PDB file of N, CA and C in Angstrom:
ATOM      1  N   MET A   1       5.690 -18.959  18.389  1.00  0.00           N
ATOM      2  CA  MET A   1       5.323 -17.767  19.125  1.00  0.00           C
ATOM      3  C   MET A   1       4.334 -16.947  18.298  1.00  0.00           C
ATOM      4  N   LEU A   2       3.241 -16.549  18.884  1.00  0.00           N
ATOM      5  CA  LEU A   2       2.234 -15.749  18.205  1.00  0.00           C
ATOM      6  C   LEU A   2       2.640 -14.287  18.203  1.00  0.00           C
ATOM      7  N   MET A   3       2.423 -13.643  17.064  1.00  0.00           N
ATOM      8  CA  MET A   3       2.733 -12.232  16.955  1.00  0.00           C
ATOM      9  C   MET A   3       1.503 -11.429  17.363  1.00  0.00           C
ATOM     10  N   THR A   4       1.715 -10.347  18.067  1.00  0.00           N
ATOM     11  CA  THR A   4       0.604  -9.478  18.434  1.00  0.00           C
ATOM     12  C   THR A   4       0.153  -8.677  17.217  1.00  0.00           C
ATOM     13  N   MET A   5      -1.035  -8.118  17.304  1.00  0.00           N
ATOM     14  CA  MET A   5      -1.544  -7.266  16.235  1.00  0.00           C
ATOM     15  C   MET A   5      -0.580  -6.102  16.007  1.00  0.00           C
ATOM     16  N   ALA A   6      -0.106  -5.499  17.089  1.00  0.00           N
ATOM     17  CA  ALA A   6       0.812  -4.365  16.969  1.00  0.00           C
ATOM     18  C   ALA A   6       2.093  -4.788  16.245  1.00  0.00           C
ATOM     19  N   GLY A   7       2.592  -5.963  16.575  1.00  0.00           N
ATOM     20  CA  GLY A   7       3.798  -6.455  15.916  1.00  0.00           C
ATOM     21  C   GLY A   7       3.577  -6.736  14.445  1.00  0.00           C
ATOM     22  N   ALA A   8       2.406  -7.274  14.130  1.00  0.00           N
ATOM     23  CA  ALA A   8       2.069  -7.557  12.733  1.00  0.00           C
ATOM     24  C   ALA A   8       1.970  -6.268  11.929  1.00  0.00           C
ATOM     25  N   ILE A   9       1.338  -5.250  12.506  1.00  0.00           N
ATOM     26  CA  ILE A   9       1.209  -3.959  11.814  1.00  0.00           C
ATOM     27  C   ILE A   9       2.588  -3.337  11.611  1.00  0.00           C
ATOM     28  N   ALA A  10       3.434  -3.399  12.615  1.00  0.00           N
ATOM     29  CA  ALA A  10       4.801  -2.857  12.488  1.00  0.00           C
ATOM     30  C   ALA A  10       5.548  -3.572  11.364  1.00  0.00           C
ATOM     31  N   ASN A  11       5.376  -4.878  11.256  1.00  0.00           N
ATOM     32  CA  ASN A  11       6.027  -5.632  10.179  1.00  0.00           C
ATOM     33  C   ASN A  11       5.508  -5.212   8.803  1.00  0.00           C
ATOM     34  N   ILE A  12       4.208  -4.968   8.715  1.00  0.00           N
ATOM     35  CA  ILE A  12       3.630  -4.523   7.439  1.00  0.00           C
ATOM     36  C   ILE A  12       4.208  -3.163   7.051  1.00  0.00           C
ATOM     37  N   ILE A  13       4.304  -2.268   8.002  1.00  0.00           N
ATOM     38  CA  ILE A  13       4.865  -0.941   7.718  1.00  0.00           C
ATOM     39  C   ILE A  13       6.308  -1.072   7.245  1.00  0.00           C
ATOM     40  N   ASP A  14       7.088  -1.906   7.911  1.00  0.00           N
ATOM     41  CA  ASP A  14       8.476  -2.137   7.481  1.00  0.00           C
ATOM     42  C   ASP A  14       8.523  -2.709   6.072  1.00  0.00           C
ATOM     43  N   ASP A  15       7.629  -3.653   5.785  1.00  0.00           N
ATOM     44  CA  ASP A  15       7.570  -4.264   4.463  1.00  0.00           C
ATOM     45  C   ASP A  15       7.213  -3.231   3.398  1.00  0.00           C
ATOM     46  N   LEU A  16       6.276  -2.343   3.702  1.00  0.00           N
ATOM     47  CA  LEU A  16       5.908  -1.294   2.755  1.00  0.00           C
ATOM     48  C   LEU A  16       7.085  -0.361   2.474  1.00  0.00           C
ATOM     49  N   GLU A  17       7.876  -0.102   3.479  1.00  0.00           N
ATOM     50  CA  GLU A  17       9.071   0.730   3.283  1.00  0.00           C
ATOM     51  C   GLU A  17      10.104   0.003   2.427  1.00  0.00           C
ATOM     52  N   ASP A  18      10.315  -1.276   2.704  1.00  0.00           N
ATOM     53  CA  ASP A  18      11.318  -2.045   1.973  1.00  0.00           C
ATOM     54  C   ASP A  18      10.914  -2.293   0.523  1.00  0.00           C
ATOM     55  N   ARG A  19       9.705  -2.762   0.309  1.00  0.00           N
ATOM     56  CA  ARG A  19       9.288  -3.206  -1.025  1.00  0.00           C
ATOM     57  C   ARG A  19       8.713  -2.096  -1.889  1.00  0.00           C
ATOM     58  N   GLY A  20       8.213  -1.021  -1.239  1.00  0.00           N
ATOM     59  CA  GLY A  20       7.601   0.060  -2.002  1.00  0.00           C
ATOM     60  C   GLY A  20       8.211   1.424  -1.763  1.00  0.00           C
ATOM     61  N   HIS A  21       9.269   1.458  -0.957  1.00  0.00           N
ATOM     62  CA  HIS A  21       9.909   2.722  -0.575  1.00  0.00           C
ATOM     63  C   HIS A  21       8.892   3.741  -0.074  1.00  0.00           C
ATOM     64  N   LEU A  22       7.862   3.255   0.620  1.00  0.00           N
ATOM     65  CA  LEU A  22       6.858   4.140   1.202  1.00  0.00           C
ATOM     66  C   LEU A  22       7.296   4.552   2.602  1.00  0.00           C
ATOM     67  N   LYS A  23       7.234   5.822   2.859  1.00  0.00           N
ATOM     68  CA  LYS A  23       7.594   6.371   4.174  1.00  0.00           C
ATOM     69  C   LYS A  23       6.338   6.448   5.044  1.00  0.00           C
ATOM     70  N   GLY A  24       6.541   6.775   6.305  1.00  0.00           N
ATOM     71  CA  GLY A  24       5.405   6.949   7.204  1.00  0.00           C
ATOM     72  C   GLY A  24       4.418   7.977   6.689  1.00  0.00           C
ATOM     73  N   THR A  25       4.937   9.036   6.075  1.00  0.00           N
ATOM     74  CA  THR A  25       4.069  10.072   5.507  1.00  0.00           C
ATOM     75  C   THR A  25       3.201   9.504   4.391  1.00  0.00           C
ATOM     76  N   ASP A  26       3.795   8.673   3.532  1.00  0.00           N
ATOM     77  CA  ASP A  26       3.027   8.047   2.454  1.00  0.00           C
ATOM     78  C   ASP A  26       1.911   7.177   3.012  1.00  0.00           C
ATOM     79  N   ILE A  27       2.266   6.343   3.968  1.00  0.00           N
ATOM     80  CA  ILE A  27       1.282   5.437   4.564  1.00  0.00           C
ATOM     81  C   ILE A  27       0.178   6.238   5.240  1.00  0.00           C
ATOM     82  N   ALA A  28       0.545   7.313   5.921  1.00  0.00           N
ATOM     83  CA  ALA A  28      -0.447   8.176   6.565  1.00  0.00           C
ATOM     84  C   ALA A  28      -1.392   8.781   5.531  1.00  0.00           C
ATOM     85  N   ASN A  29      -0.848   9.269   4.428  1.00  0.00           N
ATOM     86  CA  ASN A  29      -1.679   9.871   3.382  1.00  0.00           C
ATOM     87  C   ASN A  29      -2.636   8.848   2.773  1.00  0.00           C
ATOM     88  N   ILE A  30      -2.132   7.667   2.482  1.00  0.00           N
ATOM     89  CA  ILE A  30      -2.956   6.633   1.850  1.00  0.00           C
ATOM     90  C   ILE A  30      -4.034   6.143   2.811  1.00  0.00           C
ATOM     91  N   ALA A  31      -3.679   5.974   4.085  1.00  0.00           N
ATOM     92  CA  ALA A  31      -4.635   5.474   5.085  1.00  0.00           C
ATOM     93  C   ALA A  31      -5.497   6.591   5.676  1.00  0.00           C
ATOM     94  N   ASP A  32      -5.218   7.839   5.309  1.00  0.00           N
ATOM     95  CA  ASP A  32      -5.969   9.002   5.787  1.00  0.00           C
ATOM     96  C   ASP A  32      -5.897   9.125   7.312  1.00  0.00           C
ATOM     97  N   VAL A  33      -4.659   9.031   7.817  1.00  0.00           N
ATOM     98  CA  VAL A  33      -4.390   9.230   9.244  1.00  0.00           C
ATOM     99  C   VAL A  33      -3.190  10.163   9.367  1.00  0.00           C
ATOM    100  N   SER A  34      -2.837  10.539  10.578  1.00  0.00           N
ATOM    101  CA  SER A  34      -1.682  11.416  10.786  1.00  0.00           C
ATOM    102  C   SER A  34      -0.386  10.602  10.771  1.00  0.00           C
ATOM    103  N   VAL A  35       0.700  11.284  10.522  1.00  0.00           N
ATOM    104  CA  VAL A  35       2.022  10.645  10.573  1.00  0.00           C
ATOM    105  C   VAL A  35       2.288  10.141  11.992  1.00  0.00           C
ATOM    106  N   ALA A  36       1.836  10.894  12.987  1.00  0.00           N
ATOM    107  CA  ALA A  36       2.014  10.474  14.384  1.00  0.00           C
ATOM    108  C   ALA A  36       1.294   9.151  14.650  1.00  0.00           C
ATOM    109  N   THR A  37       0.145   8.971  14.023  1.00  0.00           N
ATOM    110  CA  THR A  37      -0.593   7.710  14.188  1.00  0.00           C
ATOM    111  C   THR A  37       0.202   6.546  13.622  1.00  0.00           C
ATOM    112  N   VAL A  38       0.782   6.733  12.442  1.00  0.00           N
ATOM    113  CA  VAL A  38       1.610   5.671  11.844  1.00  0.00           C
ATOM    114  C   VAL A  38       2.799   5.373  12.759  1.00  0.00           C
ATOM    115  N   SER A  39       3.376   6.412  13.341  1.00  0.00           N
ATOM    116  CA  SER A  39       4.491   6.217  14.267  1.00  0.00           C
ATOM    117  C   SER A  39       4.059   5.397  15.481  1.00  0.00           C
ATOM    118  N   ARG A  40       2.869   5.659  15.993  1.00  0.00           N
ATOM    119  CA  ARG A  40       2.361   4.870  17.131  1.00  0.00           C
ATOM    120  C   ARG A  40       2.129   3.417  16.730  1.00  0.00           C
ATOM    121  N   TRP A  41       1.677   3.186  15.504  1.00  0.00           N
ATOM    122  CA  TRP A  41       1.503   1.804  15.030  1.00  0.00           C
ATOM    123  C   TRP A  41       2.849   1.098  14.993  1.00  0.00           C
ATOM    124  N   ARG A  42       3.854   1.809  14.482  1.00  0.00           N
ATOM    125  CA  ARG A  42       5.183   1.207  14.323  1.00  0.00           C
ATOM    126  C   ARG A  42       5.781   0.812  15.675  1.00  0.00           C
ATOM    127  N   THR A  43       5.516   1.615  16.692  1.00  0.00           N
ATOM    128  CA  THR A  43       6.087   1.340  18.010  1.00  0.00           C
ATOM    129  C   THR A  43       5.196   0.462  18.875  1.00  0.00           C
ATOM    130  N   GLY A  44       4.034   0.087  18.350  1.00  0.00           N
ATOM    131  CA  GLY A  44       3.135  -0.789  19.094  1.00  0.00           C
ATOM    132  C   GLY A  44       2.287  -0.080  20.125  1.00  0.00           C
ATOM    133  N   LYS A  45       2.276   1.252  20.112  1.00  0.00           N
ATOM    134  CA  LYS A  45       1.479   2.007  21.089  1.00  0.00           C
ATOM    135  C   LYS A  45       0.017   2.122  20.681  1.00  0.00           C
ATOM    136  N   ALA A  46      -0.297   1.746  19.448  1.00  0.00           N
ATOM    137  CA  ALA A  46      -1.676   1.791  18.964  1.00  0.00           C
ATOM    138  C   ALA A  46      -1.802   0.808  17.805  1.00  0.00           C
ATOM    139  N   THR A  47      -3.025   0.471  17.487  1.00  0.00           N
ATOM    140  CA  THR A  47      -3.307  -0.351  16.306  1.00  0.00           C
ATOM    141  C   THR A  47      -4.381   0.358  15.484  1.00  0.00           C
ATOM    142  N   PRO A  48      -4.379   0.130  14.190  1.00  0.00           N
ATOM    143  CA  PRO A  48      -5.359   0.797  13.327  1.00  0.00           C
ATOM    144  C   PRO A  48      -6.782   0.311  13.581  1.00  0.00           C
ATOM    145  N   GLN A  49      -7.728   1.183  13.282  1.00  0.00           N
ATOM    146  CA  GLN A  49      -9.139   0.816  13.305  1.00  0.00           C
ATOM    147  C   GLN A  49      -9.389  -0.234  12.213  1.00  0.00           C
ATOM    148  N   PRO A  50     -10.450  -1.017  12.315  1.00  0.00           N
ATOM    149  CA  PRO A  50     -10.690  -2.084  11.330  1.00  0.00           C
ATOM    150  C   PRO A  50     -10.695  -1.620   9.873  1.00  0.00           C
ATOM    151  N   ARG A  51     -11.345  -0.499   9.565  1.00  0.00           N
ATOM    152  CA  ARG A  51     -11.351  -0.033   8.177  1.00  0.00           C
ATOM    153  C   ARG A  51      -9.945   0.309   7.710  1.00  0.00           C
ATOM    154  N   THR A  52      -9.166   0.924   8.587  1.00  0.00           N
ATOM    155  CA  THR A  52      -7.791   1.283   8.244  1.00  0.00           C
ATOM    156  C   THR A  52      -6.932   0.040   8.094  1.00  0.00           C
ATOM    157  N   GLN A  53      -7.208  -0.992   8.887  1.00  0.00           N
ATOM    158  CA  GLN A  53      -6.492  -2.261   8.729  1.00  0.00           C
ATOM    159  C   GLN A  53      -6.709  -2.815   7.327  1.00  0.00           C
ATOM    160  N   LEU A  54      -7.944  -2.688   6.819  1.00  0.00           N
ATOM    161  CA  LEU A  54      -8.235  -3.159   5.459  1.00  0.00           C
ATOM    162  C   LEU A  54      -7.460  -2.356   4.418  1.00  0.00           C
ATOM    163  N   VAL A  55      -7.385  -1.045   4.600  1.00  0.00           N
ATOM    164  CA  VAL A  55      -6.633  -0.193   3.671  1.00  0.00           C
ATOM    165  C   VAL A  55      -5.161  -0.602   3.670  1.00  0.00           C
ATOM    166  N   ILE A  56      -4.600  -0.799   4.850  1.00  0.00           N
ATOM    167  CA  ILE A  56      -3.183  -1.172   4.956  1.00  0.00           C
ATOM    168  C   ILE A  56      -2.938  -2.555   4.356  1.00  0.00           C
ATOM    169  N   ALA A  57      -3.848  -3.485   4.611  1.00  0.00           N
ATOM    170  CA  ALA A  57      -3.695  -4.824   4.041  1.00  0.00           C
ATOM    171  C   ALA A  57      -3.767  -4.782   2.518  1.00  0.00           C
ATOM    172  N   ASP A  58      -4.698  -3.997   1.981  1.00  0.00           N
ATOM    173  CA  ASP A  58      -4.796  -3.857   0.528  1.00  0.00           C
ATOM    174  C   ASP A  58      -3.547  -3.203  -0.036  1.00  0.00           C
ATOM    175  N   LEU A  59      -3.063  -2.165   0.635  1.00  0.00           N
ATOM    176  CA  LEU A  59      -1.843  -1.498   0.187  1.00  0.00           C
ATOM    177  C   LEU A  59      -0.677  -2.483   0.141  1.00  0.00           C
ATOM    178  N   ARG A  60      -0.561  -3.281   1.179  1.00  0.00           N
ATOM    179  CA  ARG A  60       0.532  -4.263   1.199  1.00  0.00           C
ATOM    180  C   ARG A  60       0.399  -5.255   0.052  1.00  0.00           C
ATOM    181  N   TYR A  61      -0.807  -5.731  -0.203  1.00  0.00           N
ATOM    182  CA  TYR A  61      -1.003  -6.696  -1.284  1.00  0.00           C
ATOM    183  C   TYR A  61      -0.653  -6.079  -2.634  1.00  0.00           C
ATOM    184  N   VAL A  62      -1.086  -4.853  -2.856  1.00  0.00           N
ATOM    185  CA  VAL A  62      -0.771  -4.161  -4.107  1.00  0.00           C
ATOM    186  C   VAL A  62       0.744  -3.979  -4.238  1.00  0.00           C
ATOM    187  N   VAL A  63       1.398  -3.543  -3.176  1.00  0.00           N
ATOM    188  CA  VAL A  63       2.859  -3.354  -3.216  1.00  0.00           C
ATOM    189  C   VAL A  63       3.557  -4.688  -3.478  1.00  0.00           C
ATOM    190  N   ASP A  64       3.089  -5.753  -2.853  1.00  0.00           N
ATOM    191  CA  ASP A  64       3.684  -7.069  -3.101  1.00  0.00           C
ATOM    192  C   ASP A  64       3.557  -7.468  -4.564  1.00  0.00           C
ATOM    193  N   ARG A  65       2.389  -7.230  -5.152  1.00  0.00           N
ATOM    194  CA  ARG A  65       2.189  -7.561  -6.579  1.00  0.00           C
ATOM    195  C   ARG A  65       3.074  -6.692  -7.473  1.00  0.00           C
ATOM    196  N   LEU A  66       3.152  -5.403  -7.162  1.00  0.00           N
ATOM    197  CA  LEU A  66       3.978  -4.509  -7.973  1.00  0.00           C
ATOM    198  C   LEU A  66       5.464  -4.846  -7.842  1.00  0.00           C
ATOM    199  N   ALA A  67       5.859  -5.362  -6.682  1.00  0.00           N
ATOM    200  CA  ALA A  67       7.264  -5.718  -6.461  1.00  0.00           C
ATOM    201  C   ALA A  67       7.705  -6.858  -7.370  1.00  0.00           C
ATOM    202  N   ASP A  68       6.751  -7.616  -7.898  1.00  0.00           N
ATOM    203  CA  ASP A  68       7.086  -8.671  -8.861  1.00  0.00           C
ATOM    204  C   ASP A  68       7.439  -8.088 -10.226  1.00  0.00           C
ATOM    205  N   ILE A  69       7.072  -6.834 -10.445  1.00  0.00           N
ATOM    206  CA  ILE A  69       7.258  -6.196 -11.747  1.00  0.00           C
ATOM    207  C   ILE A  69       8.278  -5.060 -11.695  1.00  0.00           C
ATOM    208  N   TYR A  70       8.234  -4.280 -10.616  1.00  0.00           N
ATOM    209  CA  TYR A  70       9.004  -3.048 -10.515  1.00  0.00           C
ATOM    210  C   TYR A  70       9.977  -3.062  -9.349  1.00  0.00           C
ATOM    211  N   THR A  71      10.946  -2.137  -9.407  1.00  0.00           N
ATOM    212  CA  THR A  71      11.820  -1.885  -8.264  1.00  0.00           C
ATOM    213  C   THR A  71      11.010  -1.135  -7.203  1.00  0.00           C
ATOM    214  N   PRO A  72      11.502  -1.035  -5.972  1.00  0.00           N
ATOM    215  CA  PRO A  72      10.768  -0.272  -4.954  1.00  0.00           C
ATOM    216  C   PRO A  72      10.489   1.178  -5.363  1.00  0.00           C
ATOM    217  N   ASP A  73      11.467   1.849  -5.966  1.00  0.00           N
ATOM    218  CA  ASP A  73      11.246   3.238  -6.392  1.00  0.00           C
ATOM    219  C   ASP A  73      10.180   3.317  -7.478  1.00  0.00           C
ATOM    220  N   GLU A  74      10.223   2.393  -8.432  1.00  0.00           N
ATOM    221  CA  GLU A  74       9.214   2.367  -9.504  1.00  0.00           C
ATOM    222  C   GLU A  74       7.830   2.057  -8.938  1.00  0.00           C
ATOM    223  N   THR A  75       7.770   1.193  -7.935  1.00  0.00           N
ATOM    224  CA  THR A  75       6.506   0.868  -7.286  1.00  0.00           C
ATOM    225  C   THR A  75       5.898   2.113  -6.659  1.00  0.00           C
ATOM    226  N   ARG A  76       6.723   2.879  -5.935  1.00  0.00           N
ATOM    227  CA  ARG A  76       6.230   4.103  -5.293  1.00  0.00           C
ATOM    228  C   ARG A  76       5.700   5.077  -6.343  1.00  0.00           C
ATOM    229  N   ILE A  77       6.452   5.259  -7.416  1.00  0.00           N
ATOM    230  CA  ILE A  77       6.026   6.169  -8.481  1.00  0.00           C
ATOM    231  C   ILE A  77       4.713   5.687  -9.094  1.00  0.00           C
ATOM    232  N   TRP A  78       4.594   4.391  -9.349  1.00  0.00           N
ATOM    233  CA  TRP A  78       3.377   3.831  -9.948  1.00  0.00           C
ATOM    234  C   TRP A  78       2.165   4.095  -9.057  1.00  0.00           C
ATOM    235  N   LEU A  79       2.328   3.927  -7.751  1.00  0.00           N
ATOM    236  CA  LEU A  79       1.222   4.144  -6.822  1.00  0.00           C
ATOM    237  C   LEU A  79       0.724   5.590  -6.856  1.00  0.00           C
ATOM    238  N   TYR A  80       1.645   6.536  -7.015  1.00  0.00           N
ATOM    239  CA  TYR A  80       1.304   7.961  -6.951  1.00  0.00           C
ATOM    240  C   TYR A  80       0.928   8.576  -8.300  1.00  0.00           C
ATOM    241  N   SER A  81       1.224   7.902  -9.385  1.00  0.00           N
ATOM    242  CA  SER A  81       1.005   8.467 -10.719  1.00  0.00           C
ATOM    243  C   SER A  81      -0.397   8.164 -11.228  1.00  0.00           C
ATOM    244  N   ARG A  82      -0.936   9.104 -11.975  1.00  0.00           N
ATOM    245  CA  ARG A  82      -2.176   8.825 -12.697  1.00  0.00           C
ATOM    246  C   ARG A  82      -1.846   7.762 -13.737  1.00  0.00           C
ATOM    247  N   ASN A  83      -2.765   6.831 -13.928  1.00  0.00           N
ATOM    248  CA  ASN A  83      -2.454   5.679 -14.751  1.00  0.00           C
ATOM    249  C   ASN A  83      -3.587   5.413 -15.737  1.00  0.00           C
ATOM    250  N   ALA A  84      -3.231   5.245 -17.008  1.00  0.00           N
ATOM    251  CA  ALA A  84      -4.234   4.957 -18.034  1.00  0.00           C
ATOM    252  C   ALA A  84      -4.986   3.661 -17.736  1.00  0.00           C
ATOM    253  N   LEU A  85      -4.293   2.684 -17.156  1.00  0.00           N
ATOM    254  CA  LEU A  85      -4.945   1.419 -16.806  1.00  0.00           C
ATOM    255  C   LEU A  85      -6.000   1.585 -15.719  1.00  0.00           C
ATOM    256  N   LEU A  86      -5.915   2.698 -15.004  1.00  0.00           N
ATOM    257  CA  LEU A  86      -6.858   2.974 -13.921  1.00  0.00           C
ATOM    258  C   LEU A  86      -7.795   4.125 -14.285  1.00  0.00           C
ATOM    259  N   GLY A  87      -7.968   4.344 -15.579  1.00  0.00           N
ATOM    260  CA  GLY A  87      -8.858   5.405 -16.036  1.00  0.00           C
ATOM    261  C   GLY A  87      -8.372   6.790 -15.666  1.00  0.00           C
ATOM    262  N   GLY A  88      -7.055   6.950 -15.582  1.00  0.00           N
ATOM    263  CA  GLY A  88      -6.477   8.244 -15.240  1.00  0.00           C
ATOM    264  C   GLY A  88      -6.432   8.534 -13.752  1.00  0.00           C
ATOM    265  N   GLU A  89      -6.801   7.562 -12.944  1.00  0.00           N
ATOM    266  CA  GLU A  89      -6.774   7.750 -11.497  1.00  0.00           C
ATOM    267  C   GLU A  89      -5.468   7.229 -10.911  1.00  0.00           C
ATOM    268  N   ARG A  90      -5.236   7.557  -9.644  1.00  0.00           N
ATOM    269  CA  ARG A  90      -4.028   7.112  -8.945  1.00  0.00           C
ATOM    270  C   ARG A  90      -4.365   5.922  -8.046  1.00  0.00           C
ATOM    271  N   ALA A  91      -3.463   4.961  -8.010  1.00  0.00           N
ATOM    272  CA  ALA A  91      -3.688   3.760  -7.194  1.00  0.00           C
ATOM    273  C   ALA A  91      -3.889   4.103  -5.725  1.00  0.00           C
ATOM    274  N   ILE A  92      -3.139   5.078  -5.215  1.00  0.00           N
ATOM    275  CA  ILE A  92      -3.278   5.404  -3.789  1.00  0.00           C
ATOM    276  C   ILE A  92      -4.680   5.881  -3.459  1.00  0.00           C
ATOM    277  N   ASP A  93      -5.308   6.585  -4.394  1.00  0.00           N
ATOM    278  CA  ASP A  93      -6.679   7.056  -4.160  1.00  0.00           C
ATOM    279  C   ASP A  93      -7.667   5.893  -4.210  1.00  0.00           C
ATOM    280  N   LEU A  94      -7.462   4.996  -5.157  1.00  0.00           N
ATOM    281  CA  LEU A  94      -8.375   3.853  -5.284  1.00  0.00           C
ATOM    282  C   LEU A  94      -8.290   2.930  -4.077  1.00  0.00           C
ATOM    283  N   ILE A  95      -7.092   2.746  -3.532  1.00  0.00           N
ATOM    284  CA  ILE A  95      -6.943   1.905  -2.340  1.00  0.00           C
ATOM    285  C   ILE A  95      -7.772   2.488  -1.203  1.00  0.00           C
ATOM    286  N   ASN A  96      -7.684   3.794  -1.007  1.00  0.00           N
ATOM    287  CA  ASN A  96      -8.425   4.436   0.071  1.00  0.00           C
ATOM    288  C   ASN A  96      -9.926   4.392  -0.168  1.00  0.00           C
ATOM    289  N   GLN A  97     -10.347   4.285  -1.419  1.00  0.00           N
ATOM    290  CA  GLN A  97     -11.775   4.226  -1.762  1.00  0.00           C
ATOM    291  C   GLN A  97     -12.294   2.788  -1.825  1.00  0.00           C
ATOM    292  N   ASN A  98     -11.495   1.846  -1.348  1.00  0.00           N
ATOM    293  CA  ASN A  98     -11.868   0.422  -1.350  1.00  0.00           C
ATOM    294  C   ASN A  98     -12.132  -0.089  -2.769  1.00  0.00           C
ATOM    295  N   ARG A  99     -11.283   0.346  -3.708  1.00  0.00           N
ATOM    296  CA  ARG A  99     -11.401  -0.076  -5.108  1.00  0.00           C
ATOM    297  C   ARG A  99     -10.137  -0.824  -5.546  1.00  0.00           C
ATOM    298  N   THR A 100      -9.591  -1.599  -4.640  1.00  0.00           N
ATOM    299  CA  THR A 100      -8.336  -2.310  -4.889  1.00  0.00           C
ATOM    300  C   THR A 100      -8.454  -3.311  -6.024  1.00  0.00           C
ATOM    301  N   GLU A 101      -9.631  -3.900  -6.215  1.00  0.00           N
ATOM    302  CA  GLU A 101      -9.810  -4.878  -7.294  1.00  0.00           C
ATOM    303  C   GLU A 101      -9.448  -4.283  -8.652  1.00  0.00           C
ATOM    304  N   GLU A 102      -9.753  -3.002  -8.862  1.00  0.00           N
ATOM    305  CA  GLU A 102      -9.415  -2.340 -10.119  1.00  0.00           C
ATOM    306  C   GLU A 102      -7.896  -2.266 -10.302  1.00  0.00           C
ATOM    307  N   ILE A 103      -7.210  -2.009  -9.226  1.00  0.00           N
ATOM    308  CA  ILE A 103      -5.742  -1.933  -9.267  1.00  0.00           C
ATOM    309  C   ILE A 103      -5.165  -3.307  -9.574  1.00  0.00           C
ATOM    310  N   LEU A 104      -5.689  -4.314  -8.908  1.00  0.00           N
ATOM    311  CA  LEU A 104      -5.174  -5.674  -9.120  1.00  0.00           C
ATOM    312  C   LEU A 104      -5.411  -6.135 -10.552  1.00  0.00           C
ATOM    313  N   ALA A 105      -6.552  -5.763 -11.128  1.00  0.00           N
ATOM    314  CA  ALA A 105      -6.817  -6.105 -12.530  1.00  0.00           C
ATOM    315  C   ALA A 105      -5.805  -5.413 -13.447  1.00  0.00           C
ATOM    316  N   ALA A 106      -5.476  -4.166 -13.150  1.00  0.00           N
ATOM    317  CA  ALA A 106      -4.484  -3.431 -13.943  1.00  0.00           C
ATOM    318  C   ALA A 106      -3.107  -4.078 -13.809  1.00  0.00           C
ATOM    319  N   ILE A 107      -2.754  -4.492 -12.608  1.00  0.00           N
ATOM    320  CA  ILE A 107      -1.459  -5.140 -12.393  1.00  0.00           C
ATOM    321  C   ILE A 107      -1.407  -6.465 -13.150  1.00  0.00           C
ATOM    322  N   GLU A 108      -2.505  -7.203 -13.179  1.00  0.00           N
ATOM    323  CA  GLU A 108      -2.552  -8.459 -13.931  1.00  0.00           C
ATOM    324  C   GLU A 108      -2.287  -8.197 -15.415  1.00  0.00           C
ATOM    325  N   ARG A 109      -2.890  -7.113 -15.932  1.00  0.00           N
ATOM    326  CA  ARG A 109      -2.656  -6.779 -17.347  1.00  0.00           C
ATOM    327  C   ARG A 109      -1.190  -6.393 -17.562  1.00  0.00           C
ATOM    328  N   LEU A 110      -0.620  -5.644 -16.625  1.00  0.00           N
ATOM    329  CA  LEU A 110       0.799  -5.287 -16.715  1.00  0.00           C
ATOM    330  C   LEU A 110       1.667  -6.547 -16.721  1.00  0.00           C
ATOM    331  N   ASP A 111       1.381  -7.421 -15.766  1.00  0.00           N
ATOM    332  CA  ASP A 111       2.170  -8.633 -15.613  1.00  0.00           C
ATOM    333  C   ASP A 111       2.078  -9.532 -16.833  1.00  0.00           C
ATOM    334  N   ALA A 112       0.918  -9.525 -17.480  1.00  0.00           N
ATOM    335  CA  ALA A 112       0.722 -10.345 -18.684  1.00  0.00           C
ATOM    336  C   ALA A 112       1.286  -9.663 -19.938  1.00  0.00           C
ATOM    337  N   GLY A 113       1.734  -8.419 -19.784  1.00  0.00           N
ATOM    338  CA  GLY A 113       2.297  -7.701 -20.919  1.00  0.00           C
ATOM    339  C   GLY A 113       1.239  -7.163 -21.862  1.00  0.00           C
ATOM    340  N   ALA A 114       0.004  -7.051 -21.360  1.00  0.00           N
ATOM    341  CA  ALA A 114      -1.086  -6.616 -22.210  1.00  0.00           C
ATOM    342  C   ALA A 114      -1.106  -5.107 -22.433  1.00  0.00           C
ATOM    343  N   PHE A 115      -0.361  -4.354 -21.645  1.00  0.00           N
ATOM    344  CA  PHE A 115      -0.364  -2.898 -21.761  1.00  0.00           C
ATOM    345  C   PHE A 115       1.071  -2.415 -21.629  1.00  0.00           C
ATOM    346  N   LEU A 116       1.663  -2.032 -22.718  1.00  0.00           N
ATOM    347  CA  LEU A 116       3.065  -1.581 -22.690  1.00  0.00           C
ATOM    348  C   LEU A 116       3.202  -0.138 -23.014  1.00  0.00           C
TER     349      LEU A 116
END
């Protein structure tokens, strides 16, 4: 059975909540949309615009990578905290600026134990 776009987006939102303890408000802030918009995505009444789909997909990938290292609560804190590996910037801001590669490079260094 093929999943609809709306169903796929709802699953991603659920996954972000489970693996990163991100709430609808968090997802709205990171994707630069309203909380009501995230709620419509969750219920299948709307789907994100293409650029926002990319932001959500990047967020999910980052959360999945961080889940290999951290608990969901630690993942959420890491996303919101200024980080030396990111030049003092926050991962949530970089995701929205389409700079996810920088975050992934930092996570690789974390995973390799290069920055403790």
